[in-house]
Amino acid sequence: MRLDCRPDFVALVWTETSPHADASLVRLGNCPPTSSSAKEAIFNVEFTNCQFTRMVTGDQIVYSNNLSYMSPPASHVLASPQPVVCSYERSIDWAPPMFDPVAFQTYDVAELVFHMGLMNDDFSGPAPSTAFHLGSLIPIAASVAQKSHQPLLLLLEECVAATTPELQPDSNLFPIIINKGCLVDSKTTRSRFEPRQKQSEIRLSLQAFKFALGEEVFIHCQLVAWAPNGLDSTKKACHYVDHYGWELLDDPSYSRLCDCCDSSCTSRKTRSLSGMAPSPCGSGSQHISSI
């Protein structure tokens, strides 16, 4: 395996000499090869795709994933997943998400102010407690104060539950939203996005789950503000509906934008219809516990 860690993406080449190997069956996270030949699989993917995990520790930022082979258990080709790890020195201006276990969080980014917090049952105010019964729904709201900026649509690009207030290499992780806005937790639970009240706000009902029993749990999210007419497979909010499949929150008639949620949602590198600059982002962290 040859690995080349670039600033924003990874270039990986896997070679196998076994006559029984099929390079097209190699997977980096949940991604198939960018290209493949009879004995070689090539990946050129961004760290925001393929279920890469970002960990921050000290002065290092570490992206990690696994290389695996989609084959019967008896196969000896990549019999066990191989770790793929890229480490970078943390830049001096990079900072982890702020944390306060009770207060409604505020993050000021690029003249936009992002908010994220736990809410009461009808989303009319802050949650009275950070403790929730197993199986109950946890109301979470995020918003962006636009000031003088053009109207923006707020999206939750990624959310994970972790056992630490900052993501660390030894953090126990549970994916909630992955793949550029896919609420993967909704495939097996009652978790769902709630109908929007404002374009600049997004609401999530997350079913309390068994995770790291006996430990504190923190929800970390990446927020993205985007032009309302600029939705695509990498800028979306999708949840899974029983007997229907993946549904786009903001316009179910365009739910085809969610088709990639079971594979890999990548950008086609085309110019946005909105013509706006890259989207401002924010990060949020909230503390919960199940009872």
C-alpha atoms as a PDB file:
ATOM      1  CA  MET A   1       0.000   0.000   0.000  1.00  0.00           C
ATOM      2  CA  ARG A   2       1.396   3.423  -0.987  1.00  0.00           C
ATOM      3  CA  LEU A   3      -0.030   6.367   0.924  1.00  0.00           C
ATOM      4  CA  ASP A   4       0.417  10.058   0.097  1.00  0.00           C
ATOM      5  CA  CYS A   5      -1.155  12.463   2.610  1.00  0.00           C
ATOM      6  CA  ARG A   6      -1.905  15.790   0.919  1.00  0.00           C
ATOM      7  CA  PRO A   7      -3.207  18.943   2.649  1.00  0.00           C
ATOM      8  CA  ASP A   8      -6.911  18.259   2.008  1.00  0.00           C
ATOM      9  CA  PHE A   9      -7.037  14.768   0.555  1.00  0.00           C
ATOM     10  CA  VAL A  10      -5.296  11.426   0.445  1.00  0.00           C
ATOM     11  CA  ALA A  11      -3.822   9.577  -2.535  1.00  0.00           C
ATOM     12  CA  LEU A  12      -3.585   5.833  -1.936  1.00  0.00           C
ATOM     13  CA  VAL A  13      -2.539   2.975  -4.207  1.00  0.00           C
ATOM     14  CA  TRP A  14      -3.190  -0.640  -3.206  1.00  0.00           C
ATOM     15  CA  THR A  15      -1.492  -3.438  -5.160  1.00  0.00           C
ATOM     16  CA  GLU A  16      -2.202  -7.172  -4.866  1.00  0.00           C
ATOM     17  CA  THR A  17      -0.363 -10.010  -6.581  1.00  0.00           C
ATOM     18  CA  SER A  18      -2.837 -12.765  -5.702  1.00  0.00           C
ATOM     19  CA  PRO A  19      -4.523 -14.216  -8.817  1.00  0.00           C
ATOM     20  CA  HIS A  20      -7.825 -14.247  -6.922  1.00  0.00           C
ATOM     21  CA  ALA A  21      -7.822 -10.526  -6.104  1.00  0.00           C
ATOM     22  CA  ASP A  22     -10.270  -8.091  -7.669  1.00  0.00           C
ATOM     23  CA  ALA A  23      -9.060  -4.538  -7.099  1.00  0.00           C
ATOM     24  CA  SER A  24     -12.525  -3.097  -7.699  1.00  0.00           C
ATOM     25  CA  LEU A  25     -13.661  -4.732  -4.432  1.00  0.00           C
ATOM     26  CA  VAL A  26     -11.233  -2.759  -2.273  1.00  0.00           C
ATOM     27  CA  ARG A  27     -12.887  -0.082  -0.121  1.00  0.00           C
ATOM     28  CA  LEU A  28     -11.473   2.938   1.670  1.00  0.00           C
ATOM     29  CA  GLY A  29     -14.063   3.459   4.377  1.00  0.00           C
ATOM     30  CA  ASN A  30     -17.273   3.188   2.358  1.00  0.00           C
ATOM     31  CA  CYS A  31     -15.738   4.408  -0.921  1.00  0.00           C
ATOM     32  CA  PRO A  32     -14.896   2.266  -3.961  1.00  0.00           C
ATOM     33  CA  PRO A  33     -11.661   3.005  -5.844  1.00  0.00           C
ATOM     34  CA  THR A  34     -11.424   6.201  -7.857  1.00  0.00           C
ATOM     35  CA  SER A  35      -9.963   3.946 -10.547  1.00  0.00           C
ATOM     36  CA  SER A  36      -8.760   0.342 -10.680  1.00  0.00           C
ATOM     37  CA  SER A  37      -6.977  -2.160 -12.884  1.00  0.00           C
ATOM     38  CA  ALA A  38      -6.629  -5.929 -12.620  1.00  0.00           C
ATOM     39  CA  LYS A  39      -4.325  -5.775  -9.584  1.00  0.00           C
ATOM     40  CA  GLU A  40      -4.322  -2.140  -8.475  1.00  0.00           C
ATOM     41  CA  ALA A  41      -6.845   0.110  -6.744  1.00  0.00           C
ATOM     42  CA  ILE A  42      -6.287   3.871  -6.709  1.00  0.00           C
ATOM     43  CA  PHE A  43      -8.015   6.288  -4.335  1.00  0.00           C
ATOM     44  CA  ASN A  44      -7.921  10.098  -4.512  1.00  0.00           C
ATOM     45  CA  VAL A  45     -10.425  11.274  -1.927  1.00  0.00           C
ATOM     46  CA  GLU A  46     -10.998  14.252   0.339  1.00  0.00           C
ATOM     47  CA  PHE A  47     -10.921  13.781   4.104  1.00  0.00           C
ATOM     48  CA  THR A  48     -14.537  14.975   4.266  1.00  0.00           C
ATOM     49  CA  ASN A  49     -15.622  11.832   2.383  1.00  0.00           C
ATOM     50  CA  CYS A  50     -15.404   8.061   2.815  1.00  0.00           C
ATOM     51  CA  GLN A  51     -16.109   8.159   6.573  1.00  0.00           C
ATOM     52  CA  PHE A  52     -12.702   9.527   7.557  1.00  0.00           C
ATOM     53  CA  THR A  53     -12.535  10.321  11.270  1.00  0.00           C
ATOM     54  CA  ARG A  54     -10.807  13.495  12.456  1.00  0.00           C
ATOM     55  CA  MET A  55      -9.103  13.443  15.832  1.00  0.00           C
ATOM     56  CA  VAL A  56      -7.357  16.365  17.525  1.00  0.00           C
ATOM     57  CA  THR A  57      -4.681  15.856  20.154  1.00  0.00           C
ATOM     58  CA  GLY A  58      -2.103  18.371  21.352  1.00  0.00           C
ATOM     59  CA  ASP A  59      -0.512  19.977  18.304  1.00  0.00           C
ATOM     60  CA  GLN A  60      -1.662  17.236  15.896  1.00  0.00           C
ATOM     61  CA  ILE A  61      -4.718  16.703  13.686  1.00  0.00           C
ATOM     62  CA  VAL A  62      -5.130  13.054  12.690  1.00  0.00           C
ATOM     63  CA  TYR A  63      -7.398  11.673   9.956  1.00  0.00           C
ATOM     64  CA  SER A  64      -7.976   7.926  10.071  1.00  0.00           C
ATOM     65  CA  ASN A  65      -9.861   5.289   8.095  1.00  0.00           C
ATOM     66  CA  ASN A  66      -9.651   1.609   7.159  1.00  0.00           C
ATOM     67  CA  LEU A  67      -8.848  -0.151   3.908  1.00  0.00           C
ATOM     68  CA  SER A  68     -10.883  -3.321   3.476  1.00  0.00           C
ATOM     69  CA  TYR A  69     -11.812  -5.891   0.857  1.00  0.00           C
ATOM     70  CA  MET A  70     -15.415  -6.825   0.001  1.00  0.00           C
ATOM     71  CA  SER A  71     -15.005 -10.594  -0.174  1.00  0.00           C
ATOM     72  CA  PRO A  72     -16.180 -13.847   1.452  1.00  0.00           C
ATOM     73  CA  PRO A  73     -14.730 -14.533   4.928  1.00  0.00           C
ATOM     74  CA  ALA A  74     -12.530 -17.308   3.525  1.00  0.00           C
ATOM     75  CA  SER A  75     -10.637 -14.883   1.285  1.00  0.00           C
ATOM     76  CA  HIS A  76      -7.040 -14.087   2.217  1.00  0.00           C
ATOM     77  CA  VAL A  77      -7.028 -10.768   0.332  1.00  0.00           C
ATOM     78  CA  LEU A  78      -6.909  -8.037   3.010  1.00  0.00           C
ATOM     79  CA  ALA A  79      -8.195 -10.566   5.535  1.00  0.00           C
ATOM     80  CA  SER A  80      -8.364  -7.808   8.146  1.00  0.00           C
ATOM     81  CA  PRO A  81      -8.839  -4.055   7.593  1.00  0.00           C
ATOM     82  CA  GLN A  82      -5.644  -2.062   7.222  1.00  0.00           C
ATOM     83  CA  PRO A  83      -5.491   1.304   9.004  1.00  0.00           C
ATOM     84  CA  VAL A  84      -5.006   4.435   6.900  1.00  0.00           C
ATOM     85  CA  VAL A  85      -3.726   7.366   8.967  1.00  0.00           C
ATOM     86  CA  CYS A  86      -2.618  10.880   8.005  1.00  0.00           C
ATOM     87  CA  SER A  87      -1.218  13.206  10.673  1.00  0.00           C
ATOM     88  CA  TYR A  88      -0.695  16.953  10.368  1.00  0.00           C
ATOM     89  CA  GLU A  89       0.681  19.652  12.594  1.00  0.00           C
ATOM     90  CA  ARG A  90      -2.154  21.780  13.887  1.00  0.00           C
ATOM     91  CA  SER A  91      -1.912  25.321  12.559  1.00  0.00           C
ATOM     92  CA  ILE A  92      -1.524  28.103  15.094  1.00  0.00           C
ATOM     93  CA  ASP A  93      -4.924  29.623  14.244  1.00  0.00           C
ATOM     94  CA  TRP A  94      -6.842  26.335  14.489  1.00  0.00           C
ATOM     95  CA  ALA A  95      -8.939  25.900  17.624  1.00  0.00           C
ATOM     96  CA  PRO A  96     -11.244  23.089  18.826  1.00  0.00           C
ATOM     97  CA  PRO A  97     -14.966  23.768  19.364  1.00  0.00           C
ATOM     98  CA  MET A  98     -15.824  25.788  22.458  1.00  0.00           C
ATOM     99  CA  PHE A  99     -17.614  23.800  25.159  1.00  0.00           C
ATOM    100  CA  ASP A 100     -20.069  24.661  27.885  1.00  0.00           C
ATOM    101  CA  PRO A 101     -22.258  21.753  29.059  1.00  0.00           C
ATOM    102  CA  VAL A 102     -25.268  23.933  29.846  1.00  0.00           C
ATOM    103  CA  ALA A 103     -25.267  27.158  27.838  1.00  0.00           C
ATOM    104  CA  PHE A 104     -26.579  27.610  24.325  1.00  0.00           C
ATOM    105  CA  GLN A 105     -23.412  27.641  22.172  1.00  0.00           C
ATOM    106  CA  THR A 106     -22.370  30.600  20.021  1.00  0.00           C
ATOM    107  CA  TYR A 107     -19.615  30.591  17.379  1.00  0.00           C
ATOM    108  CA  ASP A 108     -18.655  33.690  15.370  1.00  0.00           C
ATOM    109  CA  VAL A 109     -17.342  32.745  11.914  1.00  0.00           C
ATOM    110  CA  ALA A 110     -16.823  34.961   8.860  1.00  0.00           C
ATOM    111  CA  GLU A 111     -19.299  37.644  10.001  1.00  0.00           C
ATOM    112  CA  LEU A 112     -21.879  34.952  10.768  1.00  0.00           C
ATOM    113  CA  VAL A 113     -22.856  33.852  14.281  1.00  0.00           C
ATOM    114  CA  PHE A 114     -23.676  30.150  14.644  1.00  0.00           C
ATOM    115  CA  HIS A 115     -25.770  28.812  17.537  1.00  0.00           C
ATOM    116  CA  MET A 116     -26.381  25.230  18.661  1.00  0.00           C
ATOM    117  CA  GLY A 117     -28.175  23.873  21.707  1.00  0.00           C
ATOM    118  CA  LEU A 118     -30.396  21.263  23.326  1.00  0.00           C
ATOM    119  CA  MET A 119     -34.049  22.308  23.353  1.00  0.00           C
ATOM    120  CA  ASN A 120     -37.246  21.452  25.197  1.00  0.00           C
ATOM    121  CA  ASP A 121     -39.869  19.193  23.620  1.00  0.00           C
ATOM    122  CA  ASP A 122     -41.510  21.849  21.412  1.00  0.00           C
ATOM    123  CA  PHE A 123     -38.283  23.723  20.554  1.00  0.00           C
ATOM    124  CA  SER A 124     -39.602  26.849  22.281  1.00  0.00           C
ATOM    125  CA  GLY A 125     -36.646  27.201  24.648  1.00  0.00           C
ATOM    126  CA  PRO A 126     -33.517  25.560  26.071  1.00  0.00           C
ATOM    127  CA  ALA A 127     -33.739  22.039  27.491  1.00  0.00           C
ATOM    128  CA  PRO A 128     -34.271  22.005  31.272  1.00  0.00           C
ATOM    129  CA  SER A 129     -31.757  19.156  31.627  1.00  0.00           C
ATOM    130  CA  THR A 130     -29.002  17.380  29.705  1.00  0.00           C
ATOM    131  CA  ALA A 131     -30.256  13.946  30.883  1.00  0.00           C
ATOM    132  CA  PHE A 132     -32.601  11.946  28.627  1.00  0.00           C
ATOM    133  CA  HIS A 133     -34.338   8.588  28.992  1.00  0.00           C
ATOM    134  CA  LEU A 134     -33.088   5.850  26.674  1.00  0.00           C
ATOM    135  CA  GLY A 135     -35.290   5.782  23.550  1.00  0.00           C
ATOM    136  CA  SER A 136     -36.679   9.288  24.061  1.00  0.00           C
ATOM    137  CA  LEU A 137     -36.148  12.032  21.487  1.00  0.00           C
ATOM    138  CA  ILE A 138     -33.491  14.661  22.144  1.00  0.00           C
ATOM    139  CA  PRO A 139     -34.453  17.997  20.516  1.00  0.00           C
ATOM    140  CA  ILE A 140     -31.421  19.794  19.048  1.00  0.00           C
ATOM    141  CA  ALA A 141     -31.550  23.141  17.256  1.00  0.00           C
ATOM    142  CA  ALA A 142     -28.909  25.059  15.350  1.00  0.00           C
ATOM    143  CA  SER A 143     -29.165  28.473  13.737  1.00  0.00           C
ATOM    144  CA  VAL A 144     -27.090  31.130  12.053  1.00  0.00           C
ATOM    145  CA  ALA A 145     -27.487  34.884  12.593  1.00  0.00           C
ATOM    146  CA  GLN A 146     -26.985  36.350   9.141  1.00  0.00           C
ATOM    147  CA  LYS A 147     -26.461  40.025  10.038  1.00  0.00           C
ATOM    148  CA  SER A 148     -26.044  41.818   6.684  1.00  0.00           C
ATOM    149  CA  HIS A 149     -25.243  38.627   4.747  1.00  0.00           C
ATOM    150  CA  GLN A 150     -27.469  37.402   1.929  1.00  0.00           C
ATOM    151  CA  PRO A 151     -30.120  34.813   2.998  1.00  0.00           C
ATOM    152  CA  LEU A 152     -28.540  31.476   3.851  1.00  0.00           C
ATOM    153  CA  LEU A 153     -29.729  27.922   4.443  1.00  0.00           C
ATOM    154  CA  LEU A 154     -28.224  26.213   7.502  1.00  0.00           C
ATOM    155  CA  LEU A 155     -27.175  22.566   7.221  1.00  0.00           C
ATOM    156  CA  LEU A 156     -25.678  20.004   9.580  1.00  0.00           C
ATOM    157  CA  GLU A 157     -22.851  18.485   7.548  1.00  0.00           C
ATOM    158  CA  GLU A 158     -21.544  16.029  10.136  1.00  0.00           C
ATOM    159  CA  CYS A 159     -22.380  15.012  13.699  1.00  0.00           C
ATOM    160  CA  VAL A 160     -20.822  12.376  15.926  1.00  0.00           C
ATOM    161  CA  ALA A 161     -21.349  11.384  19.541  1.00  0.00           C
ATOM    162  CA  ALA A 162     -18.125  11.106  21.519  1.00  0.00           C
ATOM    163  CA  THR A 163     -16.996  10.440  25.067  1.00  0.00           C
ATOM    164  CA  THR A 164     -14.913  13.625  25.266  1.00  0.00           C
ATOM    165  CA  PRO A 165     -15.733  17.358  24.953  1.00  0.00           C
ATOM    166  CA  GLU A 166     -12.990  17.584  22.298  1.00  0.00           C
ATOM    167  CA  LEU A 167     -12.392  14.888  19.692  1.00  0.00           C
ATOM    168  CA  GLN A 168      -9.338  12.891  20.694  1.00  0.00           C
ATOM    169  CA  PRO A 169      -7.630   9.769  19.262  1.00  0.00           C
ATOM    170  CA  ASP A 170      -8.983   7.682  22.145  1.00  0.00           C
ATOM    171  CA  SER A 171     -12.520   9.098  21.917  1.00  0.00           C
ATOM    172  CA  ASN A 172     -15.239   6.494  21.565  1.00  0.00           C
ATOM    173  CA  LEU A 173     -17.297   7.661  18.544  1.00  0.00           C
ATOM    174  CA  PHE A 174     -20.825   7.024  17.289  1.00  0.00           C
ATOM    175  CA  PRO A 175     -21.789   8.469  13.862  1.00  0.00           C
ATOM    176  CA  ILE A 176     -25.051  10.436  13.679  1.00  0.00           C
ATOM    177  CA  ILE A 177     -24.789  12.541  10.508  1.00  0.00           C
ATOM    178  CA  ILE A 178     -22.202  11.601   7.880  1.00  0.00           C
ATOM    179  CA  ASN A 179     -21.621  11.878   4.146  1.00  0.00           C
ATOM    180  CA  LYS A 180     -22.388  15.596   3.816  1.00  0.00           C
ATOM    181  CA  GLY A 181     -25.739  15.765   5.590  1.00  0.00           C
ATOM    182  CA  CYS A 182     -27.038  12.170   5.739  1.00  0.00           C
ATOM    183  CA  LEU A 183     -28.737  11.422   9.074  1.00  0.00           C
ATOM    184  CA  VAL A 184     -27.518   7.822   9.096  1.00  0.00           C
ATOM    185  CA  ASP A 185     -28.918   7.249  12.586  1.00  0.00           C
ATOM    186  CA  SER A 186     -32.445   7.577  11.126  1.00  0.00           C
ATOM    187  CA  LYS A 187     -32.058   4.238   9.286  1.00  0.00           C
ATOM    188  CA  THR A 188     -32.383   2.280  12.529  1.00  0.00           C
ATOM    189  CA  THR A 189     -34.082   4.703  14.944  1.00  0.00           C
ATOM    190  CA  ARG A 190     -36.826   7.363  15.133  1.00  0.00           C
ATOM    191  CA  SER A 191     -34.268  10.142  14.647  1.00  0.00           C
ATOM    192  CA  ARG A 192     -35.337  12.715  12.045  1.00  0.00           C
ATOM    193  CA  PHE A 193     -34.983  16.281  10.850  1.00  0.00           C
ATOM    194  CA  GLU A 194     -37.991  18.407  11.812  1.00  0.00           C
ATOM    195  CA  PRO A 195     -39.741  20.721   9.304  1.00  0.00           C
ATOM    196  CA  ARG A 196     -37.983  24.053   9.017  1.00  0.00           C
ATOM    197  CA  GLN A 197     -39.432  27.162  10.616  1.00  0.00           C
ATOM    198  CA  LYS A 198     -36.704  29.357   9.109  1.00  0.00           C
ATOM    199  CA  GLN A 199     -34.092  28.787   6.432  1.00  0.00           C
ATOM    200  CA  SER A 200     -31.417  29.920   8.881  1.00  0.00           C
ATOM    201  CA  GLU A 201     -32.405  27.276  11.443  1.00  0.00           C
ATOM    202  CA  ILE A 202     -32.348  23.477  11.428  1.00  0.00           C
ATOM    203  CA  ARG A 203     -33.980  21.176  13.975  1.00  0.00           C
ATOM    204  CA  LEU A 204     -33.080  17.588  14.745  1.00  0.00           C
ATOM    205  CA  SER A 205     -34.906  15.045  16.914  1.00  0.00           C
ATOM    206  CA  LEU A 206     -32.300  12.479  17.932  1.00  0.00           C
ATOM    207  CA  GLN A 207     -33.369   9.258  19.615  1.00  0.00           C
ATOM    208  CA  ALA A 208     -31.377   8.670  22.808  1.00  0.00           C
ATOM    209  CA  PHE A 209     -29.227   5.600  22.258  1.00  0.00           C
ATOM    210  CA  LYS A 210     -27.033   3.114  24.104  1.00  0.00           C
ATOM    211  CA  PHE A 211     -23.520   4.465  23.863  1.00  0.00           C
ATOM    212  CA  ALA A 212     -20.599   4.471  26.302  1.00  0.00           C
ATOM    213  CA  LEU A 213     -22.795   3.507  29.230  1.00  0.00           C
ATOM    214  CA  GLY A 214     -21.608   5.084  32.439  1.00  0.00           C
ATOM    215  CA  GLU A 215     -19.666   7.805  30.626  1.00  0.00           C
ATOM    216  CA  GLU A 216     -20.507  11.370  29.665  1.00  0.00           C
ATOM    217  CA  VAL A 217     -21.552  11.830  26.025  1.00  0.00           C
ATOM    218  CA  PHE A 218     -20.891  14.872  23.849  1.00  0.00           C
ATOM    219  CA  ILE A 219     -22.395  15.593  20.431  1.00  0.00           C
ATOM    220  CA  HIS A 220     -20.003  17.305  17.988  1.00  0.00           C
ATOM    221  CA  CYS A 221     -21.406  18.849  14.805  1.00  0.00           C
ATOM    222  CA  GLN A 222     -20.070  20.673  11.758  1.00  0.00           C
ATOM    223  CA  LEU A 223     -22.468  23.397  10.542  1.00  0.00           C
ATOM    224  CA  VAL A 224     -22.554  24.860   7.035  1.00  0.00           C
ATOM    225  CA  ALA A 225     -24.398  27.976   5.802  1.00  0.00           C
ATOM    226  CA  TRP A 226     -25.208  27.811   2.088  1.00  0.00           C
ATOM    227  CA  ALA A 227     -27.264  29.550  -0.593  1.00  0.00           C
ATOM    228  CA  PRO A 228     -30.872  28.249  -0.511  1.00  0.00           C
ATOM    229  CA  ASN A 229     -30.792  27.490  -4.252  1.00  0.00           C
ATOM    230  CA  GLY A 230     -27.379  25.822  -4.070  1.00  0.00           C
ATOM    231  CA  LEU A 231     -28.374  22.368  -2.774  1.00  0.00           C
ATOM    232  CA  ASP A 232     -26.560  19.389  -4.261  1.00  0.00           C
ATOM    233  CA  SER A 233     -25.316  15.980  -3.117  1.00  0.00           C
ATOM    234  CA  THR A 234     -22.749  17.646  -0.822  1.00  0.00           C
ATOM    235  CA  LYS A 235     -25.009  20.397   0.558  1.00  0.00           C
ATOM    236  CA  LYS A 236     -28.208  18.800   1.829  1.00  0.00           C
ATOM    237  CA  ALA A 237     -30.178  17.497   4.820  1.00  0.00           C
ATOM    238  CA  CYS A 238     -31.416  13.924   4.331  1.00  0.00           C
ATOM    239  CA  HIS A 239     -33.134  11.494   6.674  1.00  0.00           C
ATOM    240  CA  TYR A 240     -34.434   7.963   6.143  1.00  0.00           C
ATOM    241  CA  VAL A 241     -38.187   7.344   6.032  1.00  0.00           C
ATOM    242  CA  ASP A 242     -39.547   3.809   6.463  1.00  0.00           C
ATOM    243  CA  HIS A 243     -41.114   2.311   3.300  1.00  0.00           C
ATOM    244  CA  TYR A 244     -39.835   5.270   1.287  1.00  0.00           C
ATOM    245  CA  GLY A 245     -36.082   5.609   1.641  1.00  0.00           C
ATOM    246  CA  TRP A 246     -33.870   8.690   1.868  1.00  0.00           C
ATOM    247  CA  GLU A 247     -35.798  11.977   1.813  1.00  0.00           C
ATOM    248  CA  LEU A 248     -34.523  15.524   1.294  1.00  0.00           C
ATOM    249  CA  LEU A 249     -35.735  17.756   4.115  1.00  0.00           C
ATOM    250  CA  ASP A 250     -36.114  20.938   2.084  1.00  0.00           C
ATOM    251  CA  ASP A 251     -37.834  19.481  -1.008  1.00  0.00           C
ATOM    252  CA  PRO A 252     -38.771  15.767  -1.048  1.00  0.00           C
ATOM    253  CA  SER A 253     -39.333  15.955  -4.824  1.00  0.00           C
ATOM    254  CA  TYR A 254     -35.546  16.308  -5.145  1.00  0.00           C
ATOM    255  CA  SER A 255     -34.742  13.398  -2.845  1.00  0.00           C
ATOM    256  CA  ARG A 256     -32.482  11.983  -5.560  1.00  0.00           C
ATOM    257  CA  LEU A 257     -29.826  14.253  -4.034  1.00  0.00           C
ATOM    258  CA  CYS A 258     -29.862  11.778  -1.131  1.00  0.00           C
ATOM    259  CA  ASP A 259     -29.216   8.688  -3.294  1.00  0.00           C
ATOM    260  CA  CYS A 260     -25.518   8.839  -2.411  1.00  0.00           C
ATOM    261  CA  CYS A 261     -26.184   8.481   1.322  1.00  0.00           C
ATOM    262  CA  ASP A 262     -25.563   4.730   1.141  1.00  0.00           C
ATOM    263  CA  SER A 263     -22.298   5.170  -0.787  1.00  0.00           C
ATOM    264  CA  SER A 264     -20.204   8.349  -0.981  1.00  0.00           C
ATOM    265  CA  CYS A 265     -21.447  11.898  -1.521  1.00  0.00           C
ATOM    266  CA  THR A 266     -18.795  13.831  -3.402  1.00  0.00           C
ATOM    267  CA  SER A 267     -18.671  17.128  -5.216  1.00  0.00           C
ATOM    268  CA  ARG A 268     -18.550  17.201  -8.995  1.00  0.00           C
ATOM    269  CA  LYS A 269     -16.315  20.299  -8.734  1.00  0.00           C
ATOM    270  CA  THR A 270     -18.764  22.378 -10.771  1.00  0.00           C
ATOM    271  CA  ARG A 271     -19.609  26.009 -10.143  1.00  0.00           C
ATOM    272  CA  SER A 272     -22.543  26.501  -7.819  1.00  0.00           C
ATOM    273  CA  LEU A 273     -25.724  27.870  -9.351  1.00  0.00           C
ATOM    274  CA  SER A 274     -25.688  30.504  -6.660  1.00  0.00           C
ATOM    275  CA  GLY A 275     -22.229  31.747  -7.645  1.00  0.00           C
ATOM    276  CA  MET A 276     -21.330  32.323  -4.016  1.00  0.00           C
ATOM    277  CA  ALA A 277     -17.950  31.762  -2.390  1.00  0.00           C
ATOM    278  CA  PRO A 278     -17.169  28.635  -0.337  1.00  0.00           C
ATOM    279  CA  SER A 279     -19.660  28.240   2.480  1.00  0.00           C
ATOM    280  CA  PRO A 280     -18.903  29.614   5.948  1.00  0.00           C
ATOM    281  CA  CYS A 281     -18.731  26.819   8.516  1.00  0.00           C
ATOM    282  CA  GLY A 282     -19.112  26.542  12.261  1.00  0.00           C
ATOM    283  CA  SER A 283     -18.673  23.803  14.831  1.00  0.00           C
ATOM    284  CA  GLY A 284     -20.766  22.908  17.846  1.00  0.00           C
ATOM    285  CA  SER A 285     -20.521  20.610  20.857  1.00  0.00           C
ATOM    286  CA  GLN A 286     -23.283  19.617  23.287  1.00  0.00           C
ATOM    287  CA  HIS A 287     -23.276  17.448  26.410  1.00  0.00           C
ATOM    288  CA  ILE A 288     -25.992  14.821  26.989  1.00  0.00           C
ATOM    289  CA  SER A 289     -26.506  11.766  29.176  1.00  0.00           C
ATOM    290  CA  SER A 290     -28.979   8.869  28.949  1.00  0.00           C
ATOM    291  CA  ILE A 291     -30.931   7.654  31.967  1.00  0.00           C
END
